[in-house]
Amino acid sequence: MNSRNMQNQNKKIGFIGLGVMGKPMSLNLIKAGYSVMVFDLNNDAVNEVVMAGAERGNSPSHVGENCEVIITMLPNSPQVEEVITGKNGILEGAKPGSVVIDMSSISPIVAVKVCEIASAKGVEMIDAPVSGGEPKAKDGTLSIMAGGKADVFR
């Protein structure tokens, strides 16, 4: 492992949305040695990922406050907008320079809107929907289409 990978693995990753796709994705991050804090409305899913080694987040804002990189994997545009920009959302806790990576499949209009709101607070965004479904999420071979600033992506 090179020093850049080791440096990245020292950063805590927030993961919000532990459904069919998010739960196996977060478990794969833990297996890869990353420190992960999770949040979901489904306590059973949270408990399962916490038992695998994650830290429990109390809210999206709490995850944003404690993680430099926050991944969302949510059902649709309204949930993404609420979790990132809403009351007790990620942006209430996130520090300037944090990066939110939305891996949900949402409307491009909502993605741009959320990115603009995040940018005004000094938080970077990457829009990174995935392809491959639950089997690829479980075995860690999803295809990811990422859009955002090149330096933030790196």
N, C-alpha and C. Protein backbone atom coordinates (compact mmCIF):
# COMPACT_ATOMS: atom_id res chain seq x y z
N MET A 1 0.84 -1.17 0.00
CA MET A 1 0.00 0.00 0.00
C MET A 1 0.89 1.23 0.00
N ASN A 2 0.61 2.19 -0.88
CA ASN A 2 1.43 3.41 -0.91
C ASN A 2 1.00 4.38 0.18
N SER A 3 1.83 5.40 0.41
CA SER A 3 1.57 6.33 1.52
C SER A 3 0.26 7.10 1.31
N ARG A 4 -0.12 7.38 0.07
CA ARG A 4 -1.38 8.08 -0.18
C ARG A 4 -2.57 7.23 0.28
N ASN A 5 -2.54 5.92 -0.04
CA ASN A 5 -3.62 5.04 0.41
C ASN A 5 -3.66 4.95 1.92
N MET A 6 -2.50 4.89 2.56
CA MET A 6 -2.46 4.82 4.02
C MET A 6 -3.02 6.11 4.61
N GLN A 7 -2.70 7.25 4.01
CA GLN A 7 -3.20 8.53 4.48
C GLN A 7 -4.73 8.56 4.35
N ASN A 8 -5.26 8.09 3.23
CA ASN A 8 -6.70 8.08 3.02
C ASN A 8 -7.40 7.16 4.01
N GLN A 9 -6.76 6.05 4.36
CA GLN A 9 -7.40 5.13 5.28
C GLN A 9 -7.40 5.67 6.71
N ASN A 10 -6.65 6.72 7.00
CA ASN A 10 -6.69 7.34 8.32
C ASN A 10 -7.87 8.30 8.45
N LYS A 11 -8.49 8.69 7.35
CA LYS A 11 -9.65 9.57 7.37
C LYS A 11 -10.90 8.74 7.66
N LYS A 12 -11.77 9.30 8.48
CA LYS A 12 -13.03 8.61 8.77
C LYS A 12 -14.02 8.91 7.65
N ILE A 13 -14.65 7.89 7.15
CA ILE A 13 -15.65 8.02 6.09
C ILE A 13 -17.03 7.89 6.72
N GLY A 14 -17.89 8.86 6.42
CA GLY A 14 -19.28 8.75 6.83
C GLY A 14 -20.06 8.06 5.73
N PHE A 15 -21.00 7.22 6.12
CA PHE A 15 -21.83 6.53 5.13
C PHE A 15 -23.28 6.61 5.60
N ILE A 16 -24.12 7.26 4.79
CA ILE A 16 -25.52 7.45 5.12
C ILE A 16 -26.38 6.77 4.06
N GLY A 17 -27.16 5.79 4.51
CA GLY A 17 -28.01 5.01 3.61
C GLY A 17 -27.53 3.58 3.55
N LEU A 18 -28.09 2.73 4.39
CA LEU A 18 -27.63 1.33 4.50
C LEU A 18 -28.67 0.36 3.98
N GLY A 19 -29.17 0.65 2.80
CA GLY A 19 -30.14 -0.23 2.17
C GLY A 19 -29.47 -1.34 1.38
N VAL A 20 -30.15 -1.80 0.36
CA VAL A 20 -29.68 -2.92 -0.47
C VAL A 20 -28.27 -2.67 -1.01
N MET A 21 -27.97 -1.45 -1.39
CA MET A 21 -26.66 -1.12 -1.95
C MET A 21 -25.71 -0.59 -0.88
N GLY A 22 -26.18 0.31 -0.04
CA GLY A 22 -25.33 0.98 0.92
C GLY A 22 -24.74 0.09 1.99
N LYS A 23 -25.52 -0.87 2.45
CA LYS A 23 -25.00 -1.75 3.51
C LYS A 23 -23.79 -2.55 3.04
N PRO A 24 -23.88 -3.25 1.90
CA PRO A 24 -22.68 -3.98 1.47
C PRO A 24 -21.52 -3.05 1.10
N MET A 25 -21.81 -1.87 0.57
CA MET A 25 -20.74 -0.93 0.25
C MET A 25 -20.00 -0.49 1.51
N SER A 26 -20.75 -0.18 2.57
CA SER A 26 -20.11 0.24 3.82
C SER A 26 -19.34 -0.92 4.45
N LEU A 27 -19.88 -2.11 4.36
CA LEU A 27 -19.16 -3.29 4.90
C LEU A 27 -17.85 -3.52 4.15
N ASN A 28 -17.85 -3.28 2.83
CA ASN A 28 -16.61 -3.42 2.05
C ASN A 28 -15.58 -2.38 2.45
N LEU A 29 -16.01 -1.17 2.79
CA LEU A 29 -15.07 -0.15 3.26
C LEU A 29 -14.41 -0.59 4.57
N ILE A 30 -15.21 -1.15 5.46
CA ILE A 30 -14.68 -1.65 6.74
C ILE A 30 -13.69 -2.77 6.49
N LYS A 31 -14.06 -3.71 5.62
CA LYS A 31 -13.15 -4.84 5.29
C LYS A 31 -11.84 -4.34 4.70
N ALA A 32 -11.89 -3.21 3.99
CA ALA A 32 -10.68 -2.65 3.37
C ALA A 32 -9.84 -1.85 4.37
N GLY A 33 -10.29 -1.76 5.61
CA GLY A 33 -9.50 -1.11 6.64
C GLY A 33 -9.84 0.34 6.92
N TYR A 34 -10.92 0.85 6.33
CA TYR A 34 -11.30 2.23 6.58
C TYR A 34 -12.09 2.36 7.88
N SER A 35 -11.95 3.50 8.54
CA SER A 35 -12.76 3.86 9.69
C SER A 35 -14.05 4.44 9.15
N VAL A 36 -15.19 3.88 9.55
CA VAL A 36 -16.47 4.25 8.96
C VAL A 36 -17.47 4.60 10.07
N MET A 37 -18.20 5.71 9.88
CA MET A 37 -19.32 6.07 10.74
C MET A 37 -20.58 5.99 9.89
N VAL A 38 -21.62 5.32 10.39
CA VAL A 38 -22.82 5.09 9.59
C VAL A 38 -24.06 5.70 10.23
N PHE A 39 -25.02 6.01 9.36
CA PHE A 39 -26.34 6.45 9.81
C PHE A 39 -27.38 5.96 8.82
N ASP A 40 -28.52 5.53 9.37
CA ASP A 40 -29.67 5.14 8.57
C ASP A 40 -30.88 5.19 9.49
N LEU A 41 -32.06 5.34 8.94
CA LEU A 41 -33.28 5.29 9.74
C LEU A 41 -33.59 3.87 10.21
N ASN A 42 -33.04 2.88 9.51
CA ASN A 42 -33.25 1.47 9.86
C ASN A 42 -32.20 1.04 10.89
N ASN A 43 -32.61 0.94 12.16
CA ASN A 43 -31.67 0.59 13.22
C ASN A 43 -31.08 -0.80 13.06
N ASP A 44 -31.83 -1.74 12.48
CA ASP A 44 -31.29 -3.09 12.27
C ASP A 44 -30.09 -3.05 11.33
N ALA A 45 -30.20 -2.28 10.26
CA ALA A 45 -29.09 -2.15 9.31
C ALA A 45 -27.90 -1.48 9.98
N VAL A 46 -28.15 -0.42 10.75
CA VAL A 46 -27.07 0.26 11.47
C VAL A 46 -26.39 -0.71 12.43
N ASN A 47 -27.18 -1.45 13.19
CA ASN A 47 -26.63 -2.40 14.16
C ASN A 47 -25.74 -3.43 13.48
N GLU A 48 -26.15 -3.92 12.32
CA GLU A 48 -25.36 -4.92 11.60
C GLU A 48 -24.00 -4.36 11.18
N VAL A 49 -23.99 -3.14 10.68
CA VAL A 49 -22.73 -2.54 10.23
C VAL A 49 -21.87 -2.14 11.43
N VAL A 50 -22.49 -1.70 12.51
CA VAL A 50 -21.74 -1.39 13.74
C VAL A 50 -21.08 -2.66 14.28
N MET A 51 -21.80 -3.77 14.24
CA MET A 51 -21.23 -5.06 14.71
C MET A 51 -20.02 -5.46 13.86
N ALA A 52 -19.98 -5.00 12.61
CA ALA A 52 -18.85 -5.31 11.72
C ALA A 52 -17.68 -4.35 11.93
N GLY A 53 -17.88 -3.31 12.77
CA GLY A 53 -16.76 -2.43 13.07
C GLY A 53 -16.98 -0.95 12.85
N ALA A 54 -18.15 -0.55 12.38
CA ALA A 54 -18.42 0.88 12.15
C ALA A 54 -18.77 1.57 13.45
N GLU A 55 -18.67 2.87 13.42
CA GLU A 55 -19.13 3.71 14.52
C GLU A 55 -20.54 4.19 14.17
N ARG A 56 -21.40 4.31 15.18
CA ARG A 56 -22.78 4.75 14.96
C ARG A 56 -22.85 6.27 14.91
N GLY A 57 -23.45 6.82 13.86
CA GLY A 57 -23.74 8.25 13.80
C GLY A 57 -25.14 8.49 14.32
N ASN A 58 -25.34 9.62 14.98
CA ASN A 58 -26.65 9.93 15.55
C ASN A 58 -27.60 10.62 14.58
N SER A 59 -27.04 11.23 13.54
CA SER A 59 -27.82 11.98 12.56
C SER A 59 -26.90 12.30 11.38
N PRO A 60 -27.47 12.74 10.26
CA PRO A 60 -26.60 13.18 9.16
C PRO A 60 -25.67 14.31 9.59
N SER A 61 -26.16 15.25 10.40
CA SER A 61 -25.32 16.34 10.89
C SER A 61 -24.15 15.82 11.72
N HIS A 62 -24.41 14.86 12.58
CA HIS A 62 -23.37 14.25 13.41
C HIS A 62 -22.31 13.57 12.54
N VAL A 63 -22.74 12.89 11.50
CA VAL A 63 -21.80 12.25 10.58
C VAL A 63 -20.97 13.32 9.87
N GLY A 64 -21.63 14.39 9.41
CA GLY A 64 -20.92 15.47 8.74
C GLY A 64 -19.90 16.14 9.65
N GLU A 65 -20.23 16.25 10.91
CA GLU A 65 -19.35 16.90 11.88
C GLU A 65 -18.10 16.07 12.17
N ASN A 66 -18.22 14.75 12.04
CA ASN A 66 -17.14 13.85 12.46
C ASN A 66 -16.38 13.18 11.33
N CYS A 67 -16.73 13.46 10.09
CA CYS A 67 -16.09 12.79 8.96
C CYS A 67 -15.67 13.81 7.90
N GLU A 68 -14.52 13.56 7.29
CA GLU A 68 -14.03 14.44 6.22
C GLU A 68 -14.67 14.11 4.88
N VAL A 69 -15.04 12.85 4.71
CA VAL A 69 -15.68 12.37 3.49
C VAL A 69 -16.98 11.71 3.91
N ILE A 70 -18.09 12.11 3.29
CA ILE A 70 -19.40 11.55 3.62
C ILE A 70 -20.04 11.04 2.34
N ILE A 71 -20.39 9.76 2.35
CA ILE A 71 -21.04 9.12 1.20
C ILE A 71 -22.52 8.97 1.50
N THR A 72 -23.36 9.31 0.52
CA THR A 72 -24.78 9.05 0.64
C THR A 72 -25.19 8.05 -0.44
N MET A 73 -26.04 7.11 -0.04
CA MET A 73 -26.61 6.12 -0.96
C MET A 73 -28.08 5.99 -0.56
N LEU A 74 -28.90 6.85 -1.18
CA LEU A 74 -30.29 7.00 -0.76
C LEU A 74 -31.24 6.70 -1.91
N PRO A 75 -32.54 6.50 -1.58
CA PRO A 75 -33.50 6.05 -2.61
C PRO A 75 -33.71 7.00 -3.78
N ASN A 76 -33.78 8.33 -3.52
CA ASN A 76 -34.13 9.22 -4.62
C ASN A 76 -33.81 10.67 -4.27
N SER A 77 -34.09 11.56 -5.20
CA SER A 77 -33.74 12.98 -5.07
C SER A 77 -34.24 13.63 -3.77
N PRO A 78 -35.51 13.46 -3.37
CA PRO A 78 -35.98 14.15 -2.16
C PRO A 78 -35.20 13.73 -0.90
N GLN A 79 -34.85 12.45 -0.80
CA GLN A 79 -34.10 11.98 0.36
C GLN A 79 -32.68 12.54 0.35
N VAL A 80 -32.05 12.60 -0.81
CA VAL A 80 -30.69 13.15 -0.91
C VAL A 80 -30.70 14.62 -0.51
N GLU A 81 -31.65 15.37 -1.06
CA GLU A 81 -31.74 16.79 -0.74
C GLU A 81 -31.96 17.00 0.76
N GLU A 82 -32.85 16.25 1.36
CA GLU A 82 -33.15 16.39 2.79
C GLU A 82 -31.95 16.00 3.65
N VAL A 83 -31.31 14.88 3.36
CA VAL A 83 -30.19 14.41 4.18
C VAL A 83 -28.99 15.35 4.09
N ILE A 84 -28.77 15.95 2.93
CA ILE A 84 -27.61 16.82 2.79
C ILE A 84 -27.92 18.25 3.23
N THR A 85 -29.05 18.82 2.79
CA THR A 85 -29.29 20.24 3.01
C THR A 85 -30.36 20.54 4.05
N GLY A 86 -31.10 19.54 4.49
CA GLY A 86 -32.23 19.77 5.38
C GLY A 86 -31.83 19.99 6.84
N LYS A 87 -32.86 20.14 7.67
CA LYS A 87 -32.66 20.30 9.11
C LYS A 87 -31.94 19.08 9.65
N ASN A 88 -30.86 19.32 10.40
CA ASN A 88 -30.02 18.26 10.96
C ASN A 88 -29.33 17.46 9.86
N GLY A 89 -29.18 18.07 8.67
CA GLY A 89 -28.53 17.42 7.55
C GLY A 89 -27.01 17.53 7.61
N ILE A 90 -26.38 16.88 6.68
CA ILE A 90 -24.91 16.82 6.63
C ILE A 90 -24.30 18.22 6.70
N LEU A 91 -24.85 19.17 5.94
CA LEU A 91 -24.24 20.50 5.87
C LEU A 91 -24.32 21.28 7.17
N GLU A 92 -25.21 20.88 8.08
CA GLU A 92 -25.26 21.54 9.39
C GLU A 92 -24.02 21.20 10.21
N GLY A 93 -23.42 20.04 9.95
CA GLY A 93 -22.26 19.63 10.74
C GLY A 93 -20.94 19.66 9.99
N ALA A 94 -21.01 19.56 8.67
CA ALA A 94 -19.78 19.44 7.88
C ALA A 94 -18.92 20.69 7.96
N LYS A 95 -17.62 20.46 8.00
CA LYS A 95 -16.65 21.55 8.04
C LYS A 95 -16.25 21.93 6.61
N PRO A 96 -15.88 23.19 6.38
CA PRO A 96 -15.37 23.56 5.06
C PRO A 96 -14.21 22.65 4.67
N GLY A 97 -14.20 22.24 3.41
CA GLY A 97 -13.18 21.32 2.93
C GLY A 97 -13.62 19.87 2.94
N SER A 98 -14.72 19.57 3.64
CA SER A 98 -15.26 18.21 3.62
C SER A 98 -15.76 17.90 2.21
N VAL A 99 -15.90 16.61 1.92
CA VAL A 99 -16.38 16.18 0.61
C VAL A 99 -17.58 15.26 0.80
N VAL A 100 -18.68 15.59 0.14
CA VAL A 100 -19.86 14.73 0.11
C VAL A 100 -19.88 14.04 -1.24
N ILE A 101 -19.99 12.72 -1.21
CA ILE A 101 -20.06 11.92 -2.44
C ILE A 101 -21.45 11.29 -2.47
N ASP A 102 -22.30 11.77 -3.37
CA ASP A 102 -23.63 11.18 -3.48
C ASP A 102 -23.59 10.07 -4.52
N MET A 103 -23.84 8.85 -4.08
CA MET A 103 -23.79 7.69 -4.97
C MET A 103 -25.19 7.22 -5.36
N SER A 104 -26.20 7.99 -4.98
CA SER A 104 -27.58 7.69 -5.34
C SER A 104 -27.79 8.03 -6.82
N SER A 105 -28.84 7.47 -7.40
CA SER A 105 -29.21 7.84 -8.77
C SER A 105 -30.33 8.86 -8.66
N ILE A 106 -29.98 10.16 -8.85
CA ILE A 106 -30.95 11.23 -8.66
C ILE A 106 -31.01 12.13 -9.88
N SER A 107 -31.95 13.05 -9.84
CA SER A 107 -32.11 14.03 -10.91
C SER A 107 -30.87 14.91 -11.01
N PRO A 108 -30.37 15.14 -12.23
CA PRO A 108 -29.23 16.05 -12.40
C PRO A 108 -29.54 17.45 -11.88
N ILE A 109 -30.79 17.88 -11.98
CA ILE A 109 -31.18 19.20 -11.49
C ILE A 109 -30.98 19.28 -9.98
N VAL A 110 -31.39 18.23 -9.27
CA VAL A 110 -31.22 18.19 -7.81
C VAL A 110 -29.74 18.08 -7.47
N ALA A 111 -28.99 17.30 -8.22
CA ALA A 111 -27.56 17.16 -7.97
C ALA A 111 -26.86 18.52 -8.06
N VAL A 112 -27.19 19.32 -9.07
CA VAL A 112 -26.58 20.65 -9.24
C VAL A 112 -27.02 21.56 -8.10
N LYS A 113 -28.29 21.53 -7.74
CA LYS A 113 -28.81 22.37 -6.65
C LYS A 113 -28.09 22.06 -5.34
N VAL A 114 -27.99 20.78 -4.99
CA VAL A 114 -27.34 20.38 -3.75
C VAL A 114 -25.86 20.76 -3.77
N CYS A 115 -25.22 20.59 -4.92
CA CYS A 115 -23.81 20.97 -5.06
C CYS A 115 -23.62 22.46 -4.83
N GLU A 116 -24.50 23.28 -5.37
CA GLU A 116 -24.40 24.73 -5.19
C GLU A 116 -24.58 25.13 -3.73
N ILE A 117 -25.52 24.50 -3.04
CA ILE A 117 -25.74 24.79 -1.62
C ILE A 117 -24.52 24.37 -0.80
N ALA A 118 -23.98 23.18 -1.10
CA ALA A 118 -22.80 22.70 -0.40
C ALA A 118 -21.62 23.62 -0.64
N SER A 119 -21.42 24.03 -1.88
CA SER A 119 -20.31 24.90 -2.25
C SER A 119 -20.36 26.23 -1.50
N ALA A 120 -21.55 26.76 -1.31
CA ALA A 120 -21.71 28.02 -0.58
C ALA A 120 -21.27 27.87 0.88
N LYS A 121 -21.25 26.65 1.39
CA LYS A 121 -20.81 26.38 2.77
C LYS A 121 -19.37 25.88 2.81
N GLY A 122 -18.70 25.87 1.64
CA GLY A 122 -17.31 25.44 1.60
C GLY A 122 -17.13 23.93 1.56
N VAL A 123 -18.21 23.21 1.27
CA VAL A 123 -18.18 21.75 1.19
C VAL A 123 -18.20 21.34 -0.28
N GLU A 124 -17.31 20.45 -0.64
CA GLU A 124 -17.21 19.96 -2.03
C GLU A 124 -18.17 18.80 -2.24
N MET A 125 -18.58 18.58 -3.50
CA MET A 125 -19.47 17.47 -3.84
C MET A 125 -18.94 16.73 -5.06
N ILE A 126 -19.15 15.44 -5.01
CA ILE A 126 -18.94 14.57 -6.17
C ILE A 126 -20.26 13.83 -6.38
N ASP A 127 -20.77 13.87 -7.60
CA ASP A 127 -21.96 13.12 -7.98
C ASP A 127 -21.45 11.81 -8.57
N ALA A 128 -21.73 10.69 -7.92
CA ALA A 128 -21.11 9.42 -8.32
C ALA A 128 -22.09 8.25 -8.27
N PRO A 129 -23.12 8.26 -9.14
CA PRO A 129 -24.03 7.12 -9.15
C PRO A 129 -23.32 5.83 -9.56
N VAL A 130 -23.90 4.73 -9.14
CA VAL A 130 -23.27 3.43 -9.38
C VAL A 130 -24.13 2.55 -10.28
N SER A 131 -23.49 1.55 -10.85
CA SER A 131 -24.17 0.57 -11.69
C SER A 131 -23.66 -0.81 -11.32
N GLY A 132 -24.57 -1.76 -11.25
CA GLY A 132 -24.16 -3.12 -10.97
C GLY A 132 -25.07 -3.85 -10.01
N GLY A 133 -25.91 -3.13 -9.32
CA GLY A 133 -26.89 -3.75 -8.43
C GLY A 133 -26.27 -4.40 -7.20
N GLU A 134 -27.13 -5.04 -6.43
CA GLU A 134 -26.73 -5.65 -5.16
C GLU A 134 -25.59 -6.66 -5.29
N PRO A 135 -25.60 -7.56 -6.31
CA PRO A 135 -24.48 -8.51 -6.39
C PRO A 135 -23.12 -7.83 -6.52
N LYS A 136 -23.04 -6.78 -7.33
CA LYS A 136 -21.77 -6.07 -7.51
C LYS A 136 -21.42 -5.24 -6.27
N ALA A 137 -22.45 -4.75 -5.56
CA ALA A 137 -22.20 -4.03 -4.30
C ALA A 137 -21.59 -4.98 -3.27
N LYS A 138 -22.12 -6.20 -3.22
CA LYS A 138 -21.61 -7.18 -2.25
C LYS A 138 -20.18 -7.59 -2.55
N ASP A 139 -19.86 -7.80 -3.83
CA ASP A 139 -18.50 -8.27 -4.14
C ASP A 139 -17.53 -7.13 -4.44
N GLY A 140 -18.00 -5.88 -4.30
CA GLY A 140 -17.10 -4.73 -4.42
C GLY A 140 -16.67 -4.41 -5.83
N THR A 141 -17.51 -4.72 -6.82
CA THR A 141 -17.13 -4.49 -8.22
C THR A 141 -18.11 -3.56 -8.94
N LEU A 142 -18.72 -2.64 -8.24
CA LEU A 142 -19.63 -1.69 -8.87
C LEU A 142 -18.89 -0.81 -9.87
N SER A 143 -19.60 -0.37 -10.88
CA SER A 143 -19.09 0.67 -11.77
C SER A 143 -19.58 2.00 -11.22
N ILE A 144 -18.69 2.98 -11.15
CA ILE A 144 -19.03 4.29 -10.59
C ILE A 144 -18.78 5.35 -11.65
N MET A 145 -19.78 6.18 -11.91
CA MET A 145 -19.66 7.29 -12.85
C MET A 145 -19.57 8.56 -12.01
N ALA A 146 -18.40 9.16 -11.93
CA ALA A 146 -18.21 10.31 -11.05
C ALA A 146 -18.13 11.62 -11.82
N GLY A 147 -18.80 12.62 -11.29
CA GLY A 147 -18.74 13.97 -11.84
C GLY A 147 -18.45 14.96 -10.73
N GLY A 148 -17.60 15.91 -11.02
CA GLY A 148 -17.23 16.94 -10.04
C GLY A 148 -15.89 17.53 -10.42
N LYS A 149 -15.36 18.37 -9.54
CA LYS A 149 -14.07 18.99 -9.78
C LYS A 149 -12.97 17.92 -9.77
N ALA A 150 -12.05 17.99 -10.75
CA ALA A 150 -10.99 16.98 -10.87
C ALA A 150 -10.13 16.89 -9.62
N ASP A 151 -9.77 18.04 -9.03
CA ASP A 151 -8.91 18.00 -7.84
C ASP A 151 -9.64 17.39 -6.65
N VAL A 152 -10.93 17.58 -6.54
CA VAL A 152 -11.70 16.95 -5.45
C VAL A 152 -11.80 15.46 -5.70
N PHE A 153 -12.00 15.06 -6.95
CA PHE A 153 -12.07 13.64 -7.29
C PHE A 153 -10.78 12.91 -6.90
N ARG A 154 -9.66 13.53 -7.22
CA ARG A 154 -8.36 12.92 -6.87
C ARG A 154 -8.21 12.79 -5.38
